[in-house]
N, C-alpha and C. Protein backbone atom coordinates (compact mmCIF):
# COMPACT_ATOMS: atom_id res chain seq x y z
N UNK A 1 -74.05 -70.30 87.22
CA UNK A 1 -72.94 -70.37 86.30
C UNK A 1 -71.91 -69.32 86.68
N UNK A 2 -70.64 -69.72 86.68
CA UNK A 2 -69.54 -68.79 86.98
C UNK A 2 -69.41 -67.75 85.87
N UNK A 3 -68.80 -66.65 86.21
CA UNK A 3 -68.52 -65.64 85.20
C UNK A 3 -67.59 -66.17 84.12
N UNK A 4 -66.62 -66.97 84.53
CA UNK A 4 -65.68 -67.51 83.54
C UNK A 4 -66.38 -68.46 82.58
N UNK A 5 -67.35 -69.20 83.05
CA UNK A 5 -68.09 -70.11 82.16
C UNK A 5 -68.97 -69.32 81.20
N UNK A 6 -69.51 -68.21 81.65
CA UNK A 6 -70.30 -67.35 80.75
C UNK A 6 -69.40 -66.80 79.64
N UNK A 7 -68.20 -66.34 80.01
CA UNK A 7 -67.26 -65.86 79.01
C UNK A 7 -66.88 -66.97 78.03
N UNK A 8 -66.72 -68.16 78.52
CA UNK A 8 -66.40 -69.30 77.68
C UNK A 8 -67.52 -69.57 76.69
N UNK A 9 -68.75 -69.55 77.14
CA UNK A 9 -69.89 -69.79 76.25
C UNK A 9 -69.99 -68.69 75.21
N UNK A 10 -69.79 -67.45 75.61
CA UNK A 10 -69.84 -66.34 74.66
C UNK A 10 -68.72 -66.47 73.65
N UNK A 11 -67.54 -66.87 74.07
CA UNK A 11 -66.41 -67.04 73.15
C UNK A 11 -66.69 -68.14 72.14
N UNK A 12 -67.27 -69.23 72.59
CA UNK A 12 -67.60 -70.33 71.67
C UNK A 12 -68.65 -69.89 70.67
N UNK A 13 -69.65 -69.16 71.11
CA UNK A 13 -70.68 -68.67 70.19
C UNK A 13 -70.08 -67.73 69.15
N UNK A 14 -69.19 -66.85 69.57
CA UNK A 14 -68.53 -65.95 68.63
C UNK A 14 -67.68 -66.73 67.63
N UNK A 15 -66.96 -67.73 68.11
CA UNK A 15 -66.14 -68.53 67.20
C UNK A 15 -66.99 -69.30 66.21
N UNK A 16 -68.13 -69.81 66.64
CA UNK A 16 -69.03 -70.51 65.71
C UNK A 16 -69.55 -69.54 64.66
N UNK A 17 -69.88 -68.33 65.08
CA UNK A 17 -70.34 -67.31 64.12
C UNK A 17 -69.23 -66.97 63.12
N UNK A 18 -67.99 -66.86 63.59
CA UNK A 18 -66.88 -66.57 62.68
C UNK A 18 -66.64 -67.73 61.72
N UNK A 19 -66.75 -68.93 62.21
CA UNK A 19 -66.63 -70.10 61.32
C UNK A 19 -67.70 -70.07 60.25
N UNK A 20 -68.93 -69.76 60.64
CA UNK A 20 -70.02 -69.69 59.67
C UNK A 20 -69.72 -68.63 58.62
N UNK A 21 -69.26 -67.46 59.05
CA UNK A 21 -68.96 -66.40 58.10
C UNK A 21 -67.76 -66.75 57.22
N UNK A 22 -66.85 -67.54 57.72
CA UNK A 22 -65.67 -67.93 56.95
C UNK A 22 -66.01 -68.97 55.89
N UNK A 23 -66.78 -69.96 56.27
CA UNK A 23 -67.04 -71.06 55.35
C UNK A 23 -68.29 -70.88 54.51
N UNK A 24 -69.18 -69.97 54.88
CA UNK A 24 -70.36 -69.67 54.11
C UNK A 24 -70.41 -68.19 53.79
N UNK A 25 -69.49 -67.75 52.93
CA UNK A 25 -69.43 -66.30 52.64
C UNK A 25 -70.63 -65.84 51.82
N UNK A 26 -70.75 -64.56 51.72
CA UNK A 26 -71.79 -63.96 50.91
C UNK A 26 -71.68 -64.50 49.48
N UNK A 27 -72.80 -64.76 48.83
CA UNK A 27 -72.75 -65.37 47.51
C UNK A 27 -72.15 -64.44 46.46
N UNK A 28 -72.04 -63.16 46.76
CA UNK A 28 -71.47 -62.22 45.82
C UNK A 28 -69.96 -62.08 45.97
N UNK A 29 -69.44 -62.56 47.07
CA UNK A 29 -67.99 -62.50 47.28
C UNK A 29 -67.35 -63.75 46.74
N UNK A 30 -66.10 -63.65 46.38
CA UNK A 30 -65.37 -64.83 45.95
C UNK A 30 -65.10 -65.72 47.14
N UNK A 31 -65.11 -67.01 46.91
CA UNK A 31 -64.87 -67.96 47.99
C UNK A 31 -63.38 -68.07 48.22
N UNK A 32 -62.99 -67.94 49.49
CA UNK A 32 -61.58 -68.04 49.85
C UNK A 32 -61.45 -69.15 50.88
N UNK A 33 -60.46 -69.98 50.66
CA UNK A 33 -60.20 -71.06 51.60
C UNK A 33 -59.28 -70.56 52.70
N UNK A 34 -59.40 -71.20 53.83
CA UNK A 34 -58.53 -70.86 54.95
C UNK A 34 -57.14 -71.42 54.67
N UNK A 35 -56.13 -70.63 54.95
CA UNK A 35 -54.75 -71.06 54.74
C UNK A 35 -54.33 -72.02 55.84
N UNK A 36 -53.32 -72.83 55.60
CA UNK A 36 -52.85 -73.72 56.67
C UNK A 36 -52.38 -72.97 57.91
N UNK A 37 -51.72 -71.82 57.71
CA UNK A 37 -51.28 -71.04 58.86
C UNK A 37 -52.46 -70.45 59.62
N UNK A 38 -53.48 -70.03 58.91
CA UNK A 38 -54.69 -69.53 59.54
C UNK A 38 -55.41 -70.62 60.32
N UNK A 39 -55.44 -71.82 59.76
CA UNK A 39 -56.06 -72.95 60.46
C UNK A 39 -55.29 -73.29 61.73
N UNK A 40 -53.99 -73.23 61.66
CA UNK A 40 -53.16 -73.50 62.83
C UNK A 40 -53.41 -72.43 63.91
N UNK A 41 -53.50 -71.18 63.49
CA UNK A 41 -53.79 -70.10 64.44
C UNK A 41 -55.14 -70.31 65.09
N UNK A 42 -56.13 -70.68 64.30
CA UNK A 42 -57.46 -70.92 64.82
C UNK A 42 -57.44 -72.07 65.83
N UNK A 43 -56.67 -73.11 65.53
CA UNK A 43 -56.54 -74.24 66.44
C UNK A 43 -55.91 -73.86 67.77
N UNK A 44 -54.91 -72.99 67.72
CA UNK A 44 -54.28 -72.53 68.96
C UNK A 44 -55.26 -71.74 69.82
N UNK A 45 -56.06 -70.90 69.19
CA UNK A 45 -57.03 -70.11 69.94
C UNK A 45 -58.09 -71.02 70.56
N UNK A 46 -58.57 -71.99 69.81
CA UNK A 46 -59.55 -72.95 70.34
C UNK A 46 -58.94 -73.73 71.50
N UNK A 47 -57.69 -74.16 71.34
CA UNK A 47 -57.03 -74.90 72.42
C UNK A 47 -56.89 -74.02 73.66
N UNK A 48 -56.63 -72.75 73.46
CA UNK A 48 -56.53 -71.82 74.59
C UNK A 48 -57.85 -71.70 75.32
N UNK A 49 -58.94 -71.73 74.58
CA UNK A 49 -60.26 -71.67 75.21
C UNK A 49 -60.56 -72.97 75.95
N UNK A 50 -60.21 -74.08 75.34
CA UNK A 50 -60.50 -75.38 75.94
C UNK A 50 -59.71 -75.57 77.24
N UNK A 51 -58.43 -75.18 77.22
CA UNK A 51 -57.58 -75.33 78.39
C UNK A 51 -57.61 -74.07 79.26
N UNK A 52 -58.79 -73.50 79.44
CA UNK A 52 -58.95 -72.26 80.19
C UNK A 52 -58.73 -72.41 81.69
N UNK A 53 -58.69 -73.64 82.19
CA UNK A 53 -58.49 -73.84 83.62
C UNK A 53 -57.12 -73.39 84.08
N UNK A 54 -56.11 -73.69 83.27
CA UNK A 54 -54.74 -73.28 83.58
C UNK A 54 -54.49 -71.97 82.82
N UNK A 55 -54.54 -70.86 83.52
CA UNK A 55 -54.50 -69.55 82.85
C UNK A 55 -53.23 -69.32 82.06
N UNK A 56 -52.11 -69.72 82.60
CA UNK A 56 -50.85 -69.49 81.91
C UNK A 56 -50.84 -70.20 80.56
N UNK A 57 -51.24 -71.47 80.56
CA UNK A 57 -51.25 -72.22 79.31
C UNK A 57 -52.31 -71.66 78.36
N UNK A 58 -53.49 -71.31 78.88
CA UNK A 58 -54.56 -70.79 78.03
C UNK A 58 -54.15 -69.49 77.35
N UNK A 59 -53.63 -68.56 78.14
CA UNK A 59 -53.21 -67.28 77.57
C UNK A 59 -52.05 -67.46 76.60
N UNK A 60 -51.15 -68.37 76.90
CA UNK A 60 -50.02 -68.63 76.00
C UNK A 60 -50.52 -69.15 74.66
N UNK A 61 -51.46 -70.09 74.69
CA UNK A 61 -51.99 -70.64 73.45
C UNK A 61 -52.73 -69.59 72.63
N UNK A 62 -53.51 -68.76 73.31
CA UNK A 62 -54.24 -67.71 72.60
C UNK A 62 -53.27 -66.71 71.99
N UNK A 63 -52.24 -66.33 72.71
CA UNK A 63 -51.26 -65.36 72.19
C UNK A 63 -50.54 -65.94 70.97
N UNK A 64 -50.15 -67.22 71.03
CA UNK A 64 -49.51 -67.86 69.87
C UNK A 64 -50.47 -67.86 68.68
N UNK A 65 -51.74 -68.16 68.93
CA UNK A 65 -52.73 -68.15 67.86
C UNK A 65 -52.90 -66.78 67.23
N UNK A 66 -52.94 -65.75 68.05
CA UNK A 66 -53.09 -64.39 67.53
C UNK A 66 -51.86 -63.97 66.74
N UNK A 67 -50.68 -64.31 67.22
CA UNK A 67 -49.45 -63.97 66.49
C UNK A 67 -49.43 -64.67 65.14
N UNK A 68 -49.80 -65.95 65.11
CA UNK A 68 -49.84 -66.68 63.84
C UNK A 68 -50.88 -66.09 62.89
N UNK A 69 -52.01 -65.66 63.43
CA UNK A 69 -53.04 -65.04 62.60
C UNK A 69 -52.55 -63.73 62.00
N UNK A 70 -51.83 -62.94 62.78
CA UNK A 70 -51.29 -61.68 62.27
C UNK A 70 -50.25 -61.94 61.18
N UNK A 71 -49.40 -62.93 61.39
CA UNK A 71 -48.42 -63.29 60.37
C UNK A 71 -49.14 -63.72 59.08
N UNK A 72 -50.20 -64.50 59.23
CA UNK A 72 -50.96 -64.97 58.07
C UNK A 72 -51.61 -63.80 57.34
N UNK A 73 -52.13 -62.83 58.07
CA UNK A 73 -52.74 -61.66 57.45
C UNK A 73 -51.71 -60.87 56.64
N UNK A 74 -50.53 -60.66 57.22
CA UNK A 74 -49.49 -59.94 56.49
C UNK A 74 -49.01 -60.71 55.27
N UNK A 75 -48.91 -62.02 55.37
CA UNK A 75 -48.50 -62.84 54.21
C UNK A 75 -49.54 -62.78 53.11
N UNK A 76 -50.82 -62.83 53.48
CA UNK A 76 -51.88 -62.75 52.48
C UNK A 76 -51.90 -61.39 51.82
N UNK A 77 -51.68 -60.35 52.59
CA UNK A 77 -51.68 -58.99 52.04
C UNK A 77 -50.50 -58.80 51.10
N UNK A 78 -49.37 -59.40 51.43
CA UNK A 78 -48.17 -59.29 50.61
C UNK A 78 -48.36 -60.02 49.29
N UNK A 79 -49.07 -61.16 49.30
CA UNK A 79 -49.27 -61.94 48.08
C UNK A 79 -50.26 -61.29 47.12
N UNK A 80 -51.20 -60.52 47.65
CA UNK A 80 -52.19 -59.95 46.73
C UNK A 80 -51.91 -58.52 46.33
């Protein structure tokens, strides 16, 4: 297995763990739904992982996803 494929597998495992923690929160915490902007950011990051063969496109998609996620975090913080 290539090093890049190992990184890809590790990234997918981490994303699955994050999804589990997002959708199955601790029973003592309030349940929060993912915002549309957060879902879009998550989709961009996943697309960046999937299109990892073309580095420029992959990194661009991941950067867009991270920027959208940061915007979503600031918007959520501002609302509460």
